């Protein structure tokens, strides 16, 4: 049998869901995709955004929202909105 917990003990860990952080930044994507071939513009833009978020947030666990991803891909693979 598992040992019984005392009534007043609580878990000290933090859940990933409760520790969600949202911040707003402006990233110049045009500079990030400069020099990239046409068929790699949108994938490179998303990689650069993910890299920037990792640096700013200080965590390797960065998740890009589907609406944000769709907005980046809205004009196709070549014409990323910047």
PDB file of N, CA and C in Angstrom:
ATOM      1  N   UNK A   1       0.829  -1.188   0.000  1.00  0.00           N
ATOM      2  CA  UNK A   1       0.000   0.000   0.000  1.00  0.00           C
ATOM      3  C   UNK A   1       0.872   1.249   0.000  1.00  0.00           C
ATOM      4  N   UNK A   2       0.373   2.286  -0.595  1.00  0.00           N
ATOM      5  CA  UNK A   2       1.079   3.555  -0.615  1.00  0.00           C
ATOM      6  C   UNK A   2       0.912   4.249   0.731  1.00  0.00           C
ATOM      7  N   UNK A   3       1.941   4.961   1.157  1.00  0.00           N
ATOM      8  CA  UNK A   3       1.804   5.663   2.432  1.00  0.00           C
ATOM      9  C   UNK A   3       0.756   6.774   2.338  1.00  0.00           C
ATOM     10  N   UNK A   4       0.000   6.946   3.372  1.00  0.00           N
ATOM     11  CA  UNK A   4      -1.062   7.957   3.405  1.00  0.00           C
ATOM     12  C   UNK A   4      -0.451   9.345   3.602  1.00  0.00           C
ATOM     13  N   UNK A   5      -0.994  10.323   2.885  1.00  0.00           N
ATOM     14  CA  UNK A   5      -0.515  11.703   3.009  1.00  0.00           C
ATOM     15  C   UNK A   5      -1.182  12.371   4.201  1.00  0.00           C
ATOM     16  N   UNK A   6      -0.454  13.268   4.777  1.00  0.00           N
ATOM     17  CA  UNK A   6      -1.040  14.050   5.868  1.00  0.00           C
ATOM     18  C   UNK A   6      -1.951  15.105   5.260  1.00  0.00           C
ATOM     19  N   UNK A   7      -2.886  15.582   6.013  1.00  0.00           N
ATOM     20  CA  UNK A   7      -3.889  16.510   5.510  1.00  0.00           C
ATOM     21  C   UNK A   7      -3.349  17.839   5.015  1.00  0.00           C
ATOM     22  N   UNK A   8      -2.301  18.399   5.640  1.00  0.00           N
ATOM     23  CA  UNK A   8      -1.843  19.735   5.287  1.00  0.00           C
ATOM     24  C   UNK A   8      -0.768  19.797   4.221  1.00  0.00           C
ATOM     25  N   UNK A   9      -0.272  18.664   3.726  1.00  0.00           N
ATOM     26  CA  UNK A   9       0.820  18.689   2.752  1.00  0.00           C
ATOM     27  C   UNK A   9       0.280  19.022   1.369  1.00  0.00           C
ATOM     28  N   UNK A  10       1.058  19.839   0.662  1.00  0.00           N
ATOM     29  CA  UNK A  10       0.703  20.184  -0.702  1.00  0.00           C
ATOM     30  C   UNK A  10       1.919  19.960  -1.585  1.00  0.00           C
ATOM     31  N   UNK A  11       1.678  19.733  -2.853  1.00  0.00           N
ATOM     32  CA  UNK A  11       2.754  19.521  -3.809  1.00  0.00           C
ATOM     33  C   UNK A  11       3.381  20.875  -4.153  1.00  0.00           C
ATOM     34  N   UNK A  12       4.707  20.955  -4.144  1.00  0.00           N
ATOM     35  CA  UNK A  12       5.393  22.222  -4.401  1.00  0.00           C
ATOM     36  C   UNK A  12       5.671  22.460  -5.877  1.00  0.00           C
ATOM     37  N   UNK A  13       5.491  21.453  -6.733  1.00  0.00           N
ATOM     38  CA  UNK A  13       5.768  21.624  -8.160  1.00  0.00           C
ATOM     39  C   UNK A  13       4.750  22.527  -8.827  1.00  0.00           C
ATOM     40  N   UNK A  14       5.151  23.087  -9.970  1.00  0.00           N
ATOM     41  CA  UNK A  14       4.226  23.948 -10.712  1.00  0.00           C
ATOM     42  C   UNK A  14       3.781  23.224 -11.973  1.00  0.00           C
ATOM     43  N   UNK A  15       2.549  23.339 -12.291  1.00  0.00           N
ATOM     44  CA  UNK A  15       2.017  22.731 -13.499  1.00  0.00           C
ATOM     45  C   UNK A  15       2.373  23.596 -14.699  1.00  0.00           C
ATOM     46  N   UNK A  16       2.574  22.967 -15.836  1.00  0.00           N
ATOM     47  CA  UNK A  16       2.885  23.714 -17.052  1.00  0.00           C
ATOM     48  C   UNK A  16       1.692  24.560 -17.484  1.00  0.00           C
ATOM     49  N   UNK A  17       0.503  24.088 -17.202  1.00  0.00           N
ATOM     50  CA  UNK A  17      -0.699  24.817 -17.609  1.00  0.00           C
ATOM     51  C   UNK A  17      -0.886  26.068 -16.754  1.00  0.00           C
ATOM     52  N   UNK A  18      -0.655  25.960 -15.452  1.00  0.00           N
ATOM     53  CA  UNK A  18      -0.872  27.113 -14.584  1.00  0.00           C
ATOM     54  C   UNK A  18       0.251  28.140 -14.720  1.00  0.00           C
ATOM     55  N   UNK A  19       1.388  27.739 -15.259  1.00  0.00           N
ATOM     56  CA  UNK A  19       2.526  28.649 -15.382  1.00  0.00           C
ATOM     57  C   UNK A  19       2.612  29.244 -16.784  1.00  0.00           C
ATOM     58  N   UNK A  20       1.510  29.299 -17.515  1.00  0.00           N
ATOM     59  CA  UNK A  20       1.519  29.837 -18.871  1.00  0.00           C
ATOM     60  C   UNK A  20       1.808  31.332 -18.834  1.00  0.00           C
ATOM     61  N   UNK A  21       2.714  31.773 -19.692  1.00  0.00           N
ATOM     62  CA  UNK A  21       3.101  33.181 -19.735  1.00  0.00           C
ATOM     63  C   UNK A  21       2.855  33.690 -21.141  1.00  0.00           C
ATOM     64  N   UNK A  22       2.281  34.876 -21.253  1.00  0.00           N
ATOM     65  CA  UNK A  22       2.028  35.491 -22.549  1.00  0.00           C
ATOM     66  C   UNK A  22       2.713  36.849 -22.593  1.00  0.00           C
ATOM     67  N   UNK A  23       3.476  37.081 -23.643  1.00  0.00           N
ATOM     68  CA  UNK A  23       4.156  38.368 -23.829  1.00  0.00           C
ATOM     69  C   UNK A  23       3.981  38.807 -25.272  1.00  0.00           C
ATOM     70  N   UNK A  24       4.097  40.107 -25.505  1.00  0.00           N
ATOM     71  CA  UNK A  24       3.980  40.641 -26.864  1.00  0.00           C
ATOM     72  C   UNK A  24       5.285  41.293 -27.264  1.00  0.00           C
ATOM     73  N   UNK A  25       5.780  40.931 -28.434  1.00  0.00           N
ATOM     74  CA  UNK A  25       7.010  41.498 -28.988  1.00  0.00           C
ATOM     75  C   UNK A  25       6.775  41.823 -30.452  1.00  0.00           C
ATOM     76  N   UNK A  26       7.626  42.670 -30.993  1.00  0.00           N
ATOM     77  CA  UNK A  26       7.627  42.947 -32.425  1.00  0.00           C
ATOM     78  C   UNK A  26       8.946  42.433 -32.980  1.00  0.00           C
ATOM     79  N   UNK A  27       8.865  41.534 -33.945  1.00  0.00           N
ATOM     80  CA  UNK A  27      10.058  40.942 -34.547  1.00  0.00           C
ATOM     81  C   UNK A  27      10.095  41.353 -36.010  1.00  0.00           C
ATOM     82  N   UNK A  28      11.257  41.825 -36.462  1.00  0.00           N
ATOM     83  CA  UNK A  28      11.417  42.183 -37.858  1.00  0.00           C
ATOM     84  C   UNK A  28      11.741  40.916 -38.650  1.00  0.00           C
ATOM     85  N   UNK A  29      10.707  40.310 -39.212  1.00  0.00           N
ATOM     86  CA  UNK A  29      10.869  39.050 -39.934  1.00  0.00           C
ATOM     87  C   UNK A  29      11.628  39.268 -41.236  1.00  0.00           C
ATOM     88  N   UNK A  30      11.505  40.454 -41.801  1.00  0.00           N
ATOM     89  CA  UNK A  30      12.171  40.738 -43.071  1.00  0.00           C
ATOM     90  C   UNK A  30      13.676  40.535 -42.940  1.00  0.00           C
ATOM     91  N   UNK A  31      14.232  40.963 -41.817  1.00  0.00           N
ATOM     92  CA  UNK A  31      15.664  40.763 -41.580  1.00  0.00           C
ATOM     93  C   UNK A  31      15.995  39.288 -41.409  1.00  0.00           C
ATOM     94  N   UNK A  32      15.088  38.548 -40.779  1.00  0.00           N
ATOM     95  CA  UNK A  32      15.342  37.127 -40.506  1.00  0.00           C
ATOM     96  C   UNK A  32      15.358  36.291 -41.777  1.00  0.00           C
ATOM     97  N   UNK A  33      14.481  36.606 -42.732  1.00  0.00           N
ATOM     98  CA  UNK A  33      14.381  35.767 -43.927  1.00  0.00           C
ATOM     99  C   UNK A  33      15.182  36.335 -45.097  1.00  0.00           C
ATOM    100  N   UNK A  34      15.917  37.399 -44.869  1.00  0.00           N
ATOM    101  CA  UNK A  34      16.751  37.973 -45.933  1.00  0.00           C
ATOM    102  C   UNK A  34      17.773  36.937 -46.378  1.00  0.00           C
ATOM    103  N   UNK A  35      17.828  36.690 -47.676  1.00  0.00           N
ATOM    104  CA  UNK A  35      18.792  35.741 -48.211  1.00  0.00           C
ATOM    105  C   UNK A  35      18.289  34.316 -48.287  1.00  0.00           C
ATOM    106  N   UNK A  36      17.114  34.040 -47.736  1.00  0.00           N
ATOM    107  CA  UNK A  36      16.571  32.676 -47.807  1.00  0.00           C
ATOM    108  C   UNK A  36      15.946  32.454 -49.180  1.00  0.00           C
ATOM    109  N   UNK A  37      16.067  31.221 -49.683  1.00  0.00           N
ATOM    110  CA  UNK A  37      15.450  30.915 -50.967  1.00  0.00           C
ATOM    111  C   UNK A  37      13.929  30.959 -50.816  1.00  0.00           C
ATOM    112  N   UNK A  38      13.241  31.156 -51.937  1.00  0.00           N
ATOM    113  CA  UNK A  38      11.795  31.356 -51.907  1.00  0.00           C
ATOM    114  C   UNK A  38      11.059  30.251 -51.173  1.00  0.00           C
ATOM    115  N   UNK A  39      11.413  29.017 -51.421  1.00  0.00           N
ATOM    116  CA  UNK A  39      10.667  27.896 -50.863  1.00  0.00           C
ATOM    117  C   UNK A  39      10.989  27.628 -49.395  1.00  0.00           C
ATOM    118  N   UNK A  40      11.854  28.448 -48.801  1.00  0.00           N
ATOM    119  CA  UNK A  40      12.196  28.266 -47.394  1.00  0.00           C
ATOM    120  C   UNK A  40      11.854  29.485 -46.543  1.00  0.00           C
ATOM    121  N   UNK A  41      11.175  30.459 -47.104  1.00  0.00           N
ATOM    122  CA  UNK A  41      10.892  31.697 -46.368  1.00  0.00           C
ATOM    123  C   UNK A  41       9.974  31.473 -45.164  1.00  0.00           C
ATOM    124  N   UNK A  42       8.825  30.860 -45.371  1.00  0.00           N
ATOM    125  CA  UNK A  42       7.889  30.661 -44.259  1.00  0.00           C
ATOM    126  C   UNK A  42       8.447  29.715 -43.192  1.00  0.00           C
ATOM    127  N   UNK A  43       9.057  28.568 -43.573  1.00  0.00           N
ATOM    128  CA  UNK A  43       9.633  27.717 -42.530  1.00  0.00           C
ATOM    129  C   UNK A  43      10.748  28.410 -41.757  1.00  0.00           C
ATOM    130  N   UNK A  44      11.557  29.199 -42.448  1.00  0.00           N
ATOM    131  CA  UNK A  44      12.639  29.883 -41.767  1.00  0.00           C
ATOM    132  C   UNK A  44      12.097  30.955 -40.844  1.00  0.00           C
ATOM    133  N   UNK A  45      11.045  31.655 -41.252  1.00  0.00           N
ATOM    134  CA  UNK A  45      10.440  32.681 -40.403  1.00  0.00           C
ATOM    135  C   UNK A  45       9.949  32.074 -39.095  1.00  0.00           C
ATOM    136  N   UNK A  46       9.283  30.921 -39.170  1.00  0.00           N
ATOM    137  CA  UNK A  46       8.786  30.273 -37.958  1.00  0.00           C
ATOM    138  C   UNK A  46       9.926  29.777 -37.076  1.00  0.00           C
ATOM    139  N   UNK A  47      11.007  29.289 -37.693  1.00  0.00           N
ATOM    140  CA  UNK A  47      12.169  28.857 -36.910  1.00  0.00           C
ATOM    141  C   UNK A  47      12.801  30.043 -36.184  1.00  0.00           C
ATOM    142  N   UNK A  48      12.879  31.185 -36.863  1.00  0.00           N
ATOM    143  CA  UNK A  48      13.464  32.382 -36.251  1.00  0.00           C
ATOM    144  C   UNK A  48      12.577  32.902 -35.114  1.00  0.00           C
ATOM    145  N   UNK A  49      11.270  32.833 -35.288  1.00  0.00           N
ATOM    146  CA  UNK A  49      10.350  33.260 -34.236  1.00  0.00           C
ATOM    147  C   UNK A  49      10.492  32.359 -33.017  1.00  0.00           C
ATOM    148  N   UNK A  50      10.579  31.058 -33.268  1.00  0.00           N
ATOM    149  CA  UNK A  50      10.755  30.096 -32.173  1.00  0.00           C
ATOM    150  C   UNK A  50      12.087  30.329 -31.454  1.00  0.00           C
ATOM    151  N   UNK A  51      13.149  30.618 -32.230  1.00  0.00           N
ATOM    152  CA  UNK A  51      14.473  30.879 -31.651  1.00  0.00           C
ATOM    153  C   UNK A  51      14.450  32.142 -30.799  1.00  0.00           C
ATOM    154  N   UNK A  52      13.784  33.181 -31.289  1.00  0.00           N
ATOM    155  CA  UNK A  52      13.671  34.436 -30.539  1.00  0.00           C
ATOM    156  C   UNK A  52      12.913  34.209 -29.232  1.00  0.00           C
ATOM    157  N   UNK A  53      11.814  33.447 -29.311  1.00  0.00           N
ATOM    158  CA  UNK A  53      11.018  33.179 -28.111  1.00  0.00           C
ATOM    159  C   UNK A  53      11.816  32.373 -27.097  1.00  0.00           C
ATOM    160  N   UNK A  54      12.614  31.417 -27.558  1.00  0.00           N
ATOM    161  CA  UNK A  54      13.451  30.632 -26.642  1.00  0.00           C
ATOM    162  C   UNK A  54      14.427  31.532 -25.905  1.00  0.00           C
ATOM    163  N   UNK A  55      15.017  32.478 -26.636  1.00  0.00           N
ATOM    164  CA  UNK A  55      15.990  33.379 -26.029  1.00  0.00           C
ATOM    165  C   UNK A  55      15.325  34.308 -25.016  1.00  0.00           C
ATOM    166  N   UNK A  56      14.184  34.868 -25.372  1.00  0.00           N
ATOM    167  CA  UNK A  56      13.514  35.831 -24.500  1.00  0.00           C
ATOM    168  C   UNK A  56      12.866  35.184 -23.278  1.00  0.00           C
ATOM    169  N   UNK A  57      12.254  34.017 -23.478  1.00  0.00           N
ATOM    170  CA  UNK A  57      11.556  33.355 -22.389  1.00  0.00           C
ATOM    171  C   UNK A  57      12.487  32.522 -21.525  1.00  0.00           C
ATOM    172  N   UNK A  58      13.639  32.155 -22.066  1.00  0.00           N
ATOM    173  CA  UNK A  58      14.592  31.380 -21.291  1.00  0.00           C
ATOM    174  C   UNK A  58      14.200  29.925 -21.111  1.00  0.00           C
ATOM    175  N   UNK A  59      13.435  29.388 -22.048  1.00  0.00           N
ATOM    176  CA  UNK A  59      13.031  27.990 -21.959  1.00  0.00           C
ATOM    177  C   UNK A  59      13.018  27.378 -23.361  1.00  0.00           C
ATOM    178  N   UNK A  60      13.395  26.117 -23.486  1.00  0.00           N
ATOM    179  CA  UNK A  60      13.342  25.475 -24.808  1.00  0.00           C
ATOM    180  C   UNK A  60      11.936  25.023 -25.195  1.00  0.00           C
ATOM    181  N   UNK A  61      10.979  25.095 -24.259  1.00  0.00           N
ATOM    182  CA  UNK A  61       9.608  24.666 -24.521  1.00  0.00           C
ATOM    183  C   UNK A  61       8.790  25.841 -25.047  1.00  0.00           C
ATOM    184  N   UNK A  62       8.854  26.064 -26.366  1.00  0.00           N
ATOM    185  CA  UNK A  62       8.123  27.166 -26.998  1.00  0.00           C
ATOM    186  C   UNK A  62       7.103  26.561 -27.945  1.00  0.00           C
ATOM    187  N   UNK A  63       5.858  26.949 -27.785  1.00  0.00           N
ATOM    188  CA  UNK A  63       4.793  26.437 -28.639  1.00  0.00           C
ATOM    189  C   UNK A  63       4.152  27.590 -29.385  1.00  0.00           C
ATOM    190  N   UNK A  64       4.096  27.465 -30.699  1.00  0.00           N
ATOM    191  CA  UNK A  64       3.509  28.510 -31.537  1.00  0.00           C
ATOM    192  C   UNK A  64       2.045  28.170 -31.762  1.00  0.00           C
ATOM    193  N   UNK A  65       1.188  29.144 -31.526  1.00  0.00           N
ATOM    194  CA  UNK A  65      -0.255  28.963 -31.675  1.00  0.00           C
ATOM    195  C   UNK A  65      -0.599  28.684 -33.133  1.00  0.00           C
ATOM    196  N   UNK A  66      -1.623  27.890 -33.367  1.00  0.00           N
ATOM    197  CA  UNK A  66      -2.004  27.539 -34.733  1.00  0.00           C
ATOM    198  C   UNK A  66      -2.490  28.758 -35.511  1.00  0.00           C
ATOM    199  N   UNK A  67      -3.174  29.677 -34.817  1.00  0.00           N
ATOM    200  CA  UNK A  67      -3.634  30.895 -35.520  1.00  0.00           C
ATOM    201  C   UNK A  67      -2.448  31.733 -35.970  1.00  0.00           C
ATOM    202  N   UNK A  68      -1.413  31.778 -35.134  1.00  0.00           N
ATOM    203  CA  UNK A  68      -0.208  32.533 -35.487  1.00  0.00           C
ATOM    204  C   UNK A  68       0.506  31.883 -36.669  1.00  0.00           C
ATOM    205  N   UNK A  69       0.586  30.566 -36.641  1.00  0.00           N
ATOM    206  CA  UNK A  69       1.229  29.830 -37.729  1.00  0.00           C
ATOM    207  C   UNK A  69       0.468  30.017 -39.034  1.00  0.00           C
ATOM    208  N   UNK A  70      -0.856  29.966 -38.958  1.00  0.00           N
ATOM    209  CA  UNK A  70      -1.670  30.161 -40.159  1.00  0.00           C
ATOM    210  C   UNK A  70      -1.529  31.569 -40.706  1.00  0.00           C
ATOM    211  N   UNK A  71      -1.367  32.551 -39.822  1.00  0.00           N
ATOM    212  CA  UNK A  71      -1.167  33.928 -40.274  1.00  0.00           C
ATOM    213  C   UNK A  71       0.168  34.064 -40.997  1.00  0.00           C
ATOM    214  N   UNK A  72       1.189  33.358 -40.531  1.00  0.00           N
ATOM    215  CA  UNK A  72       2.501  33.411 -41.184  1.00  0.00           C
ATOM    216  C   UNK A  72       2.446  32.740 -42.559  1.00  0.00           C
ATOM    217  N   UNK A  73       1.654  31.688 -42.668  1.00  0.00           N
ATOM    218  CA  UNK A  73       1.553  30.947 -43.927  1.00  0.00           C
ATOM    219  C   UNK A  73       0.436  31.477 -44.833  1.00  0.00           C
ATOM    220  N   UNK A  74      -0.278  32.524 -44.423  1.00  0.00           N
ATOM    221  CA  UNK A  74      -1.469  32.987 -45.140  1.00  0.00           C
ATOM    222  C   UNK A  74      -1.191  33.374 -46.591  1.00  0.00           C
ATOM    223  N   UNK A  75      -0.039  33.958 -46.850  1.00  0.00           N
ATOM    224  CA  UNK A  75       0.289  34.396 -48.200  1.00  0.00           C
ATOM    225  C   UNK A  75       1.161  33.403 -48.950  1.00  0.00           C
ATOM    226  N   UNK A  76       1.282  32.223 -48.406  1.00  0.00           N
ATOM    227  CA  UNK A  76       2.046  31.173 -49.081  1.00  0.00           C
ATOM    228  C   UNK A  76       3.437  31.005 -48.492  1.00  0.00           C
ATOM    229  N   UNK A  77       4.195  30.114 -49.099  1.00  0.00           N
ATOM    230  CA  UNK A  77       5.525  29.782 -48.587  1.00  0.00           C
ATOM    231  C   UNK A  77       6.526  30.898 -48.895  1.00  0.00           C
ATOM    232  N   UNK A  78       6.290  31.646 -49.983  1.00  0.00           N
ATOM    233  CA  UNK A  78       7.279  32.651 -50.384  1.00  0.00           C
ATOM    234  C   UNK A  78       7.035  34.031 -49.800  1.00  0.00           C
ATOM    235  N   UNK A  79       5.769  34.427 -49.700  1.00  0.00           N
ATOM    236  CA  UNK A  79       5.441  35.808 -49.339  1.00  0.00           C
ATOM    237  C   UNK A  79       5.018  35.917 -47.879  1.00  0.00           C
ATOM    238  N   UNK A  80       5.967  35.792 -47.005  1.00  0.00           N
ATOM    239  CA  UNK A  80       5.680  35.880 -45.578  1.00  0.00           C
ATOM    240  C   UNK A  80       5.362  37.327 -45.229  1.00  0.00           C
ATOM    241  N   UNK A  81       4.270  37.591 -44.493  1.00  0.00           N
ATOM    242  CA  UNK A  81       3.976  38.974 -44.103  1.00  0.00           C
ATOM    243  C   UNK A  81       5.011  39.487 -43.102  1.00  0.00           C
ATOM    244  N   UNK A  82       5.675  40.553 -43.450  1.00  0.00           N
ATOM    245  CA  UNK A  82       6.631  41.174 -42.549  1.00  0.00           C
ATOM    246  C   UNK A  82       6.281  42.603 -42.439  1.00  0.00           C
TER     247      UNK A  82
END
